[in-house]
Amino acid sequence: MALKLLVGLGNPGPQYDGTRHNAGFWWIDRVAQLAGAALAPEKGFYANLAKVNIGGQPVWLMQPMTFMNKSGQAVGAMARFYRIEPQEILVVHDELDLRPGQVKLKFAGSHAGHNGLKDIQAHLGTPDYWRLRLGVGHPGVKAEVINWVLGKPSAEDRQAIDQAIEHTLGALPQMLSGQMDLAMRHVHTQPLG
């Protein structure tokens, strides 16, 4: 099944721009850039949106503007209005369990305590959607997680995350045409760096 909605998670506002929690926003920004599109605010969907065509496949790009913990409000509204099935949605988010530069594509599963995913699952009523997990590393101490995700990565880590984003974009045509096995193979073949 082809993807119809690509959602990058993050927090709105300039103070969050470069923070680890906004890795999903960075990914959507790159896709929009490649497609020559600009996202525009859509109040009815609580998000910045763009409809683009990539390799002949129409797809929505979304950055929820609800703050991370309420991401499901935007995704749910969009899915209901356009009758988009959960398995036609890809959510791109920061992942503490992967180091910067690592990336994983997976279907369904637990939200693992990620508040954005938790809210999306609540609004869709199912965990059965695609996730692209962009590694941002872990501070090593649970108590430090909030400060970590709301902090900016080092220049070296940011470069590793940006390279991982570029690498995943090579799998976009397969993702959009529903060839998720091929897309996963591409994403999980780590570039030599």
N, C-alpha and C. Protein backbone atom coordinates (compact mmCIF):
# COMPACT_ATOMS: atom_id res chain seq x y z
N MET A 1 0.84 -1.19 0.00
CA MET A 1 0.00 0.00 0.00
C MET A 1 0.88 1.26 0.00
N ALA A 2 0.60 2.15 -0.92
CA ALA A 2 1.42 3.36 -1.06
C ALA A 2 1.17 4.33 0.10
N LEU A 3 2.18 5.10 0.44
CA LEU A 3 2.04 6.10 1.49
C LEU A 3 1.35 7.34 0.93
N LYS A 4 0.45 7.92 1.72
CA LYS A 4 -0.26 9.12 1.29
C LYS A 4 0.04 10.33 2.16
N LEU A 5 0.61 10.07 3.36
CA LEU A 5 0.87 11.16 4.30
C LEU A 5 2.21 10.92 5.00
N LEU A 6 3.11 11.90 4.86
CA LEU A 6 4.41 11.85 5.53
C LEU A 6 4.38 12.90 6.63
N VAL A 7 4.56 12.46 7.87
CA VAL A 7 4.47 13.36 9.02
C VAL A 7 5.82 13.44 9.70
N GLY A 8 6.34 14.64 9.86
CA GLY A 8 7.58 14.83 10.62
C GLY A 8 7.22 15.44 11.96
N LEU A 9 7.68 14.83 13.05
CA LEU A 9 7.33 15.34 14.38
C LEU A 9 8.36 16.35 14.88
N GLY A 10 7.85 17.29 15.66
CA GLY A 10 8.70 18.32 16.25
C GLY A 10 7.86 19.27 17.06
N ASN A 11 8.47 20.33 17.52
CA ASN A 11 7.77 21.39 18.25
C ASN A 11 7.86 22.68 17.45
N PRO A 12 6.74 23.44 17.37
CA PRO A 12 6.78 24.71 16.63
C PRO A 12 7.53 25.78 17.41
N GLY A 13 8.00 26.78 16.70
CA GLY A 13 8.64 27.92 17.35
C GLY A 13 10.14 27.91 17.19
N PRO A 14 10.73 29.11 16.99
CA PRO A 14 12.16 29.23 16.72
C PRO A 14 13.04 28.67 17.83
N GLN A 15 12.55 28.67 19.09
CA GLN A 15 13.39 28.18 20.19
C GLN A 15 13.63 26.67 20.09
N TYR A 16 12.82 25.96 19.28
CA TYR A 16 12.97 24.51 19.17
C TYR A 16 13.64 24.08 17.86
N ASP A 17 13.86 25.04 16.95
CA ASP A 17 14.35 24.72 15.60
C ASP A 17 15.45 23.68 15.53
N GLY A 18 16.52 23.90 16.26
CA GLY A 18 17.68 23.03 16.13
C GLY A 18 17.75 21.90 17.14
N THR A 19 16.63 21.66 17.88
CA THR A 19 16.67 20.66 18.95
C THR A 19 16.44 19.24 18.41
N ARG A 20 16.96 18.27 19.15
CA ARG A 20 16.88 16.86 18.72
C ARG A 20 15.45 16.40 18.48
N HIS A 21 14.51 16.91 19.29
CA HIS A 21 13.12 16.51 19.17
C HIS A 21 12.53 16.91 17.81
N ASN A 22 13.20 17.82 17.12
CA ASN A 22 12.69 18.31 15.84
C ASN A 22 13.28 17.58 14.63
N ALA A 23 13.92 16.45 14.84
CA ALA A 23 14.53 15.71 13.73
C ALA A 23 13.50 15.38 12.65
N GLY A 24 12.26 15.10 13.05
CA GLY A 24 11.20 14.80 12.07
C GLY A 24 10.90 16.00 11.19
N PHE A 25 10.92 17.20 11.80
CA PHE A 25 10.72 18.44 11.02
C PHE A 25 11.83 18.59 9.99
N TRP A 26 13.08 18.29 10.42
CA TRP A 26 14.22 18.46 9.50
C TRP A 26 14.03 17.56 8.28
N TRP A 27 13.52 16.34 8.51
CA TRP A 27 13.32 15.39 7.41
C TRP A 27 12.28 15.91 6.43
N ILE A 28 11.15 16.40 6.96
CA ILE A 28 10.09 16.93 6.10
C ILE A 28 10.59 18.16 5.33
N ASP A 29 11.38 19.00 6.00
CA ASP A 29 11.95 20.18 5.31
C ASP A 29 12.76 19.76 4.09
N ARG A 30 13.55 18.69 4.22
CA ARG A 30 14.38 18.20 3.10
C ARG A 30 13.52 17.65 1.98
N VAL A 31 12.46 16.91 2.32
CA VAL A 31 11.57 16.37 1.29
C VAL A 31 10.89 17.52 0.54
N ALA A 32 10.42 18.53 1.29
CA ALA A 32 9.78 19.69 0.66
C ALA A 32 10.76 20.40 -0.27
N GLN A 33 11.99 20.54 0.21
CA GLN A 33 13.04 21.19 -0.59
C GLN A 33 13.27 20.42 -1.90
N LEU A 34 13.37 19.10 -1.80
CA LEU A 34 13.57 18.28 -2.99
C LEU A 34 12.41 18.38 -3.96
N ALA A 35 11.21 18.51 -3.41
CA ALA A 35 10.00 18.58 -4.25
C ALA A 35 9.72 20.00 -4.72
N GLY A 36 10.55 20.96 -4.28
CA GLY A 36 10.36 22.37 -4.66
C GLY A 36 9.08 22.94 -4.09
N ALA A 37 8.72 22.50 -2.87
CA ALA A 37 7.47 22.94 -2.26
C ALA A 37 7.75 23.69 -0.96
N ALA A 38 6.76 24.47 -0.53
CA ALA A 38 6.85 25.15 0.76
C ALA A 38 5.62 24.75 1.57
N LEU A 39 5.85 24.42 2.83
CA LEU A 39 4.72 24.08 3.69
C LEU A 39 4.01 25.35 4.12
N ALA A 40 2.67 25.28 4.19
CA ALA A 40 1.88 26.45 4.59
C ALA A 40 0.96 26.06 5.75
N PRO A 41 0.70 27.01 6.66
CA PRO A 41 -0.17 26.71 7.79
C PRO A 41 -1.59 26.38 7.35
N GLU A 42 -2.15 25.33 7.90
CA GLU A 42 -3.54 24.93 7.66
C GLU A 42 -4.18 24.79 9.04
N LYS A 43 -4.89 25.84 9.47
CA LYS A 43 -5.44 25.85 10.83
C LYS A 43 -6.37 24.67 11.11
N GLY A 44 -7.18 24.28 10.12
CA GLY A 44 -8.13 23.18 10.31
C GLY A 44 -7.46 21.86 10.64
N PHE A 45 -6.19 21.74 10.25
CA PHE A 45 -5.46 20.49 10.52
C PHE A 45 -4.35 20.69 11.56
N TYR A 46 -4.30 21.87 12.18
CA TYR A 46 -3.31 22.15 13.23
C TYR A 46 -1.89 21.84 12.76
N ALA A 47 -1.59 22.17 11.51
CA ALA A 47 -0.31 21.74 10.95
C ALA A 47 0.13 22.65 9.82
N ASN A 48 1.43 22.55 9.48
CA ASN A 48 1.93 23.10 8.23
C ASN A 48 1.90 21.96 7.22
N LEU A 49 1.34 22.24 6.04
CA LEU A 49 1.12 21.19 5.04
C LEU A 49 1.60 21.59 3.67
N ALA A 50 1.92 20.60 2.87
CA ALA A 50 2.17 20.79 1.43
C ALA A 50 1.76 19.51 0.73
N LYS A 51 1.13 19.65 -0.43
CA LYS A 51 0.85 18.46 -1.25
C LYS A 51 1.87 18.48 -2.38
N VAL A 52 2.61 17.40 -2.52
CA VAL A 52 3.68 17.35 -3.51
C VAL A 52 3.54 16.09 -4.36
N ASN A 53 4.28 16.10 -5.46
CA ASN A 53 4.33 14.95 -6.34
C ASN A 53 5.77 14.49 -6.40
N ILE A 54 6.03 13.26 -6.01
CA ILE A 54 7.40 12.75 -6.05
C ILE A 54 7.39 11.47 -6.87
N GLY A 55 8.12 11.50 -7.98
CA GLY A 55 8.15 10.34 -8.86
C GLY A 55 6.77 9.93 -9.34
N GLY A 56 5.91 10.94 -9.59
CA GLY A 56 4.57 10.65 -10.09
C GLY A 56 3.58 10.26 -9.00
N GLN A 57 4.04 10.24 -7.74
CA GLN A 57 3.15 9.86 -6.62
C GLN A 57 2.76 11.11 -5.83
N PRO A 58 1.45 11.40 -5.74
CA PRO A 58 1.03 12.53 -4.89
C PRO A 58 1.11 12.13 -3.42
N VAL A 59 1.60 13.04 -2.60
CA VAL A 59 1.72 12.74 -1.17
C VAL A 59 1.64 14.05 -0.37
N TRP A 60 1.05 13.96 0.83
CA TRP A 60 0.99 15.11 1.73
C TRP A 60 2.22 15.12 2.63
N LEU A 61 2.77 16.30 2.86
CA LEU A 61 3.83 16.50 3.85
C LEU A 61 3.22 17.29 5.00
N MET A 62 3.50 16.83 6.22
CA MET A 62 2.90 17.48 7.39
C MET A 62 3.90 17.68 8.51
N GLN A 63 3.83 18.87 9.11
CA GLN A 63 4.52 19.16 10.36
C GLN A 63 3.45 19.64 11.34
N PRO A 64 3.03 18.77 12.30
CA PRO A 64 2.03 19.22 13.26
C PRO A 64 2.53 20.44 14.04
N MET A 65 1.63 21.40 14.26
CA MET A 65 1.99 22.62 14.98
C MET A 65 1.37 22.63 16.38
N THR A 66 1.12 21.44 16.90
CA THR A 66 0.40 21.29 18.16
C THR A 66 1.32 21.07 19.35
N PHE A 67 2.62 21.05 19.14
CA PHE A 67 3.61 20.57 20.11
C PHE A 67 3.56 19.05 20.12
N MET A 68 4.70 18.47 20.39
CA MET A 68 4.92 17.04 20.26
C MET A 68 3.83 16.19 20.92
N ASN A 69 3.47 16.52 22.16
CA ASN A 69 2.55 15.67 22.94
C ASN A 69 1.15 15.61 22.37
N LYS A 70 0.83 16.52 21.43
CA LYS A 70 -0.52 16.55 20.84
C LYS A 70 -0.46 16.29 19.33
N SER A 71 0.59 15.64 18.86
CA SER A 71 0.76 15.40 17.42
C SER A 71 -0.41 14.66 16.80
N GLY A 72 -1.04 13.79 17.58
CA GLY A 72 -2.15 12.99 17.06
C GLY A 72 -3.35 13.82 16.64
N GLN A 73 -3.50 14.99 17.25
CA GLN A 73 -4.62 15.87 16.90
C GLN A 73 -4.55 16.23 15.41
N ALA A 74 -3.35 16.58 14.94
CA ALA A 74 -3.15 16.95 13.54
C ALA A 74 -3.25 15.72 12.63
N VAL A 75 -2.57 14.64 13.00
CA VAL A 75 -2.55 13.44 12.16
C VAL A 75 -3.95 12.84 12.06
N GLY A 76 -4.65 12.79 13.20
CA GLY A 76 -6.00 12.23 13.21
C GLY A 76 -6.96 13.04 12.35
N ALA A 77 -6.89 14.37 12.45
CA ALA A 77 -7.78 15.24 11.67
C ALA A 77 -7.56 15.03 10.17
N MET A 78 -6.31 14.95 9.78
CA MET A 78 -5.94 14.77 8.37
C MET A 78 -6.40 13.40 7.86
N ALA A 79 -6.14 12.37 8.66
CA ALA A 79 -6.49 11.00 8.25
C ALA A 79 -8.00 10.86 8.09
N ARG A 80 -8.76 11.45 9.01
CA ARG A 80 -10.23 11.36 8.91
C ARG A 80 -10.75 12.11 7.70
N PHE A 81 -10.27 13.34 7.51
CA PHE A 81 -10.80 14.18 6.44
C PHE A 81 -10.51 13.59 5.06
N TYR A 82 -9.29 13.10 4.86
CA TYR A 82 -8.90 12.58 3.53
C TYR A 82 -9.01 11.05 3.43
N ARG A 83 -9.60 10.44 4.48
CA ARG A 83 -9.78 8.97 4.50
C ARG A 83 -8.46 8.24 4.22
N ILE A 84 -7.45 8.66 4.96
CA ILE A 84 -6.12 8.02 4.83
C ILE A 84 -6.03 6.93 5.89
N GLU A 85 -5.74 5.72 5.44
CA GLU A 85 -5.61 4.58 6.36
C GLU A 85 -4.31 4.71 7.17
N PRO A 86 -4.30 4.20 8.41
CA PRO A 86 -3.07 4.27 9.21
C PRO A 86 -1.85 3.69 8.49
N GLN A 87 -2.03 2.60 7.75
CA GLN A 87 -0.87 1.98 7.07
C GLN A 87 -0.39 2.78 5.85
N GLU A 88 -1.10 3.90 5.54
CA GLU A 88 -0.68 4.80 4.46
C GLU A 88 0.05 6.02 5.03
N ILE A 89 0.37 5.96 6.33
CA ILE A 89 1.01 7.09 7.02
C ILE A 89 2.42 6.70 7.46
N LEU A 90 3.37 7.59 7.21
CA LEU A 90 4.73 7.44 7.73
C LEU A 90 4.98 8.57 8.71
N VAL A 91 5.37 8.23 9.93
CA VAL A 91 5.70 9.23 10.96
C VAL A 91 7.21 9.20 11.17
N VAL A 92 7.84 10.34 10.99
CA VAL A 92 9.31 10.45 11.13
C VAL A 92 9.59 11.15 12.46
N HIS A 93 10.40 10.51 13.30
CA HIS A 93 10.63 11.06 14.64
C HIS A 93 12.03 10.78 15.15
N ASP A 94 12.41 11.54 16.17
CA ASP A 94 13.69 11.36 16.85
C ASP A 94 13.63 10.07 17.67
N GLU A 95 14.74 9.36 17.72
CA GLU A 95 14.79 8.07 18.42
C GLU A 95 15.99 8.02 19.36
N LEU A 96 15.71 7.93 20.67
CA LEU A 96 16.76 7.90 21.69
C LEU A 96 17.59 6.60 21.64
N ASP A 97 16.96 5.50 21.22
CA ASP A 97 17.62 4.20 21.27
C ASP A 97 18.58 3.95 20.10
N LEU A 98 18.68 4.90 19.20
CA LEU A 98 19.63 4.79 18.08
C LEU A 98 20.62 5.95 18.18
N ARG A 99 21.87 5.69 17.86
CA ARG A 99 22.85 6.79 17.95
C ARG A 99 22.72 7.69 16.71
N PRO A 100 23.20 8.92 16.80
CA PRO A 100 23.11 9.84 15.65
C PRO A 100 23.73 9.19 14.42
N GLY A 101 23.02 9.26 13.31
CA GLY A 101 23.50 8.64 12.07
C GLY A 101 22.82 7.31 11.81
N GLN A 102 22.25 6.70 12.86
CA GLN A 102 21.51 5.45 12.65
C GLN A 102 20.06 5.77 12.35
N VAL A 103 19.43 4.89 11.57
CA VAL A 103 18.03 5.12 11.21
C VAL A 103 17.37 3.76 10.98
N LYS A 104 16.09 3.67 11.35
CA LYS A 104 15.34 2.42 11.17
C LYS A 104 13.95 2.74 10.66
N LEU A 105 13.49 1.90 9.73
CA LEU A 105 12.13 2.00 9.21
C LEU A 105 11.37 0.79 9.73
N LYS A 106 10.21 1.02 10.35
CA LYS A 106 9.46 -0.12 10.88
C LYS A 106 7.96 0.14 10.78
N PHE A 107 7.21 -0.95 10.82
CA PHE A 107 5.76 -0.86 10.81
C PHE A 107 5.22 -1.26 12.18
N ALA A 108 4.29 -0.46 12.69
CA ALA A 108 3.58 -0.76 13.93
C ALA A 108 4.53 -0.90 15.12
N GLY A 109 4.04 -1.52 16.19
CA GLY A 109 4.85 -1.68 17.39
C GLY A 109 4.50 -0.66 18.46
N SER A 110 5.27 -0.69 19.53
CA SER A 110 5.00 0.15 20.69
C SER A 110 5.48 1.58 20.44
N HIS A 111 4.92 2.53 21.20
CA HIS A 111 5.38 3.92 21.10
C HIS A 111 6.63 4.13 21.95
N ALA A 112 6.99 3.13 22.76
CA ALA A 112 8.21 3.15 23.58
C ALA A 112 8.37 4.43 24.39
N GLY A 113 7.23 4.97 24.84
CA GLY A 113 7.28 6.17 25.68
C GLY A 113 7.44 7.47 24.93
N HIS A 114 7.47 7.42 23.58
CA HIS A 114 7.59 8.66 22.79
C HIS A 114 6.23 9.34 22.78
N ASN A 115 6.15 10.54 23.37
CA ASN A 115 4.84 11.19 23.54
C ASN A 115 4.14 11.51 22.23
N GLY A 116 4.90 11.84 21.19
CA GLY A 116 4.29 12.11 19.89
C GLY A 116 3.62 10.87 19.34
N LEU A 117 4.32 9.74 19.39
CA LEU A 117 3.77 8.48 18.88
C LEU A 117 2.59 8.03 19.72
N LYS A 118 2.69 8.23 21.03
CA LYS A 118 1.62 7.83 21.95
C LYS A 118 0.32 8.54 21.56
N ASP A 119 0.42 9.84 21.29
CA ASP A 119 -0.77 10.63 20.95
C ASP A 119 -1.32 10.26 19.57
N ILE A 120 -0.43 9.99 18.62
CA ILE A 120 -0.87 9.58 17.28
C ILE A 120 -1.62 8.25 17.37
N GLN A 121 -1.06 7.32 18.14
CA GLN A 121 -1.70 6.01 18.31
C GLN A 121 -3.10 6.19 18.93
N ALA A 122 -3.22 7.09 19.91
CA ALA A 122 -4.51 7.34 20.56
C ALA A 122 -5.52 7.88 19.55
N HIS A 123 -5.09 8.81 18.68
CA HIS A 123 -6.00 9.42 17.72
C HIS A 123 -6.34 8.50 16.55
N LEU A 124 -5.40 7.67 16.13
CA LEU A 124 -5.69 6.74 15.02
C LEU A 124 -6.39 5.48 15.52
N GLY A 125 -6.28 5.22 16.83
CA GLY A 125 -6.90 4.04 17.40
C GLY A 125 -6.15 2.75 17.10
N THR A 126 -4.91 2.88 16.63
CA THR A 126 -4.10 1.72 16.28
C THR A 126 -2.62 2.09 16.23
N PRO A 127 -1.73 1.14 16.52
CA PRO A 127 -0.30 1.40 16.34
C PRO A 127 0.17 1.03 14.93
N ASP A 128 -0.76 0.65 14.05
CA ASP A 128 -0.41 0.10 12.73
C ASP A 128 -0.15 1.18 11.68
N TYR A 129 0.90 1.96 11.90
CA TYR A 129 1.35 2.93 10.90
C TYR A 129 2.87 2.79 10.82
N TRP A 130 3.46 3.37 9.76
CA TRP A 130 4.91 3.28 9.55
C TRP A 130 5.64 4.34 10.36
N ARG A 131 6.85 3.99 10.81
CA ARG A 131 7.69 4.97 11.53
C ARG A 131 9.09 4.94 10.92
N LEU A 132 9.65 6.11 10.78
CA LEU A 132 11.06 6.25 10.40
C LEU A 132 11.73 6.85 11.61
N ARG A 133 12.60 6.07 12.24
CA ARG A 133 13.22 6.45 13.52
C ARG A 133 14.61 7.01 13.25
N LEU A 134 14.78 8.30 13.51
CA LEU A 134 16.07 8.97 13.29
C LEU A 134 16.83 9.02 14.62
N GLY A 135 17.96 8.34 14.67
CA GLY A 135 18.73 8.28 15.91
C GLY A 135 19.24 9.64 16.34
N VAL A 136 19.04 9.97 17.63
CA VAL A 136 19.59 11.21 18.20
C VAL A 136 20.47 10.88 19.41
N GLY A 137 20.61 9.58 19.72
CA GLY A 137 21.41 9.19 20.87
C GLY A 137 20.65 9.34 22.17
N HIS A 138 21.26 8.88 23.24
CA HIS A 138 20.64 8.89 24.58
C HIS A 138 21.63 9.54 25.55
N PRO A 139 21.12 10.37 26.48
CA PRO A 139 22.04 11.02 27.42
C PRO A 139 22.66 10.04 28.42
N GLY A 140 22.11 8.82 28.50
CA GLY A 140 22.67 7.83 29.42
C GLY A 140 21.94 7.75 30.75
N VAL A 141 21.20 8.81 31.06
CA VAL A 141 20.45 8.86 32.32
C VAL A 141 19.01 9.24 32.00
N LYS A 142 18.05 8.44 32.50
CA LYS A 142 16.64 8.70 32.18
C LYS A 142 16.20 10.10 32.58
N ALA A 143 16.68 10.56 33.73
CA ALA A 143 16.28 11.88 34.24
C ALA A 143 16.70 13.01 33.30
N GLU A 144 17.68 12.75 32.44
CA GLU A 144 18.20 13.79 31.54
C GLU A 144 17.51 13.82 30.17
N VAL A 145 16.59 12.86 29.93
CA VAL A 145 16.01 12.71 28.59
C VAL A 145 15.32 13.98 28.10
N ILE A 146 14.50 14.62 28.95
CA ILE A 146 13.76 15.82 28.52
C ILE A 146 14.73 16.91 28.07
N ASN A 147 15.75 17.19 28.90
CA ASN A 147 16.74 18.21 28.53
C ASN A 147 17.49 17.83 27.27
N TRP A 148 17.72 16.52 27.10
CA TRP A 148 18.46 16.02 25.94
C TRP A 148 17.68 16.27 24.65
N VAL A 149 16.40 15.83 24.61
CA VAL A 149 15.64 15.99 23.36
C VAL A 149 15.33 17.45 23.06
N LEU A 150 15.28 18.28 24.12
CA LEU A 150 15.01 19.70 23.89
C LEU A 150 16.31 20.50 23.78
N GLY A 151 17.44 19.79 23.72
CA GLY A 151 18.73 20.43 23.52
C GLY A 151 19.20 20.24 22.09
N LYS A 152 20.22 21.00 21.72
CA LYS A 152 20.75 20.91 20.35
C LYS A 152 21.90 19.91 20.30
N PRO A 153 21.94 19.09 19.24
CA PRO A 153 23.05 18.15 19.12
C PRO A 153 24.36 18.88 18.83
N SER A 154 25.47 18.23 19.12
CA SER A 154 26.77 18.78 18.75
C SER A 154 26.84 18.89 17.23
N ALA A 155 27.77 19.69 16.72
CA ALA A 155 27.91 19.84 15.27
C ALA A 155 28.14 18.48 14.60
N GLU A 156 28.93 17.65 15.26
CA GLU A 156 29.25 16.32 14.72
C GLU A 156 28.00 15.43 14.67
N ASP A 157 27.22 15.45 15.76
CA ASP A 157 25.98 14.66 15.80
C ASP A 157 24.97 15.17 14.77
N ARG A 158 24.86 16.49 14.65
CA ARG A 158 23.91 17.06 13.69
C ARG A 158 24.29 16.64 12.27
N GLN A 159 25.57 16.63 11.99
CA GLN A 159 26.04 16.21 10.67
C GLN A 159 25.67 14.74 10.42
N ALA A 160 25.84 13.90 11.45
CA ALA A 160 25.50 12.48 11.32
C ALA A 160 24.00 12.31 11.08
N ILE A 161 23.18 13.10 11.78
CA ILE A 161 21.72 13.02 11.60
C ILE A 161 21.34 13.48 10.19
N ASP A 162 21.94 14.60 9.75
CA ASP A 162 21.66 15.11 8.40
C ASP A 162 22.05 14.09 7.33
N GLN A 163 23.18 13.41 7.53
CA GLN A 163 23.61 12.39 6.57
C GLN A 163 22.63 11.22 6.55
N ALA A 164 22.13 10.84 7.73
CA ALA A 164 21.13 9.77 7.81
C ALA A 164 19.85 10.18 7.08
N ILE A 165 19.45 11.44 7.23
CA ILE A 165 18.26 11.95 6.53
C ILE A 165 18.47 11.84 5.02
N GLU A 166 19.62 12.31 4.55
CA GLU A 166 19.91 12.23 3.10
C GLU A 166 19.86 10.78 2.62
N HIS A 167 20.42 9.87 3.41
CA HIS A 167 20.44 8.46 3.05
C HIS A 167 19.01 7.92 2.88
N THR A 168 18.12 8.27 3.82
CA THR A 168 16.75 7.74 3.75
C THR A 168 15.98 8.28 2.56
N LEU A 169 16.34 9.48 2.10
CA LEU A 169 15.61 10.06 0.97
C LEU A 169 15.76 9.21 -0.29
N GLY A 170 16.84 8.42 -0.35
CA GLY A 170 17.03 7.52 -1.48
C GLY A 170 15.96 6.43 -1.53
N ALA A 171 15.28 6.19 -0.41
CA ALA A 171 14.23 5.17 -0.36
C ALA A 171 12.84 5.75 -0.57
N LEU A 172 12.75 7.06 -0.74
CA LEU A 172 11.43 7.70 -0.88
C LEU A 172 10.60 7.13 -2.03
N PRO A 173 11.18 6.96 -3.24
CA PRO A 173 10.36 6.43 -4.33
C PRO A 173 9.73 5.08 -4.00
N GLN A 174 10.51 4.20 -3.34
CA GLN A 174 9.95 2.90 -2.95
C GLN A 174 8.86 3.06 -1.90
N MET A 175 9.10 3.93 -0.92
CA MET A 175 8.10 4.15 0.13
C MET A 175 6.78 4.62 -0.49
N LEU A 176 6.90 5.57 -1.41
CA LEU A 176 5.69 6.18 -1.97
C LEU A 176 4.94 5.24 -2.89
N SER A 177 5.65 4.27 -3.46
CA SER A 177 4.95 3.32 -4.33
C SER A 177 4.55 2.06 -3.57
N GLY A 178 4.77 2.08 -2.24
CA GLY A 178 4.33 0.95 -1.43
C GLY A 178 5.28 -0.23 -1.41
N GLN A 179 6.49 -0.05 -1.95
CA GLN A 179 7.48 -1.15 -1.94
C GLN A 179 8.31 -1.06 -0.65
N MET A 180 7.65 -1.31 0.46
CA MET A 180 8.28 -1.06 1.76
C MET A 180 9.44 -2.02 2.05
N ASP A 181 9.40 -3.22 1.49
CA ASP A 181 10.53 -4.16 1.69
C ASP A 181 11.80 -3.58 1.08
N LEU A 182 11.67 -3.05 -0.14
CA LEU A 182 12.84 -2.44 -0.81
C LEU A 182 13.29 -1.19 -0.05
N ALA A 183 12.32 -0.41 0.40
CA ALA A 183 12.63 0.82 1.15
C ALA A 183 13.40 0.46 2.43
N MET A 184 12.95 -0.58 3.13
CA MET A 184 13.62 -0.99 4.37
C MET A 184 15.04 -1.45 4.09
N ARG A 185 15.21 -2.20 3.01
CA ARG A 185 16.53 -2.68 2.66
C ARG A 185 17.47 -1.51 2.44
N HIS A 186 16.98 -0.49 1.72
CA HIS A 186 17.80 0.69 1.46
C HIS A 186 18.13 1.43 2.76
N VAL A 187 17.10 1.68 3.56
CA VAL A 187 17.29 2.45 4.80
C VAL A 187 18.24 1.74 5.75
N HIS A 188 18.12 0.42 5.84
CA HIS A 188 18.92 -0.34 6.82
C HIS A 188 20.31 -0.69 6.34
N THR A 189 20.60 -0.39 5.07
CA THR A 189 21.98 -0.53 4.58
C THR A 189 22.69 0.76 4.93
N GLN A 190 23.44 0.72 6.00
CA GLN A 190 24.08 1.96 6.48
C GLN A 190 25.15 2.40 5.49
N PRO A 191 25.13 3.67 5.11
CA PRO A 191 26.17 4.17 4.21
C PRO A 191 27.53 4.10 4.89
N LEU A 192 28.53 3.90 4.10
CA LEU A 192 29.88 3.87 4.66
C LEU A 192 30.31 5.30 4.92
N GLY A 193 30.64 5.59 6.16
CA GLY A 193 31.01 6.97 6.48
C GLY A 193 32.08 7.01 7.52
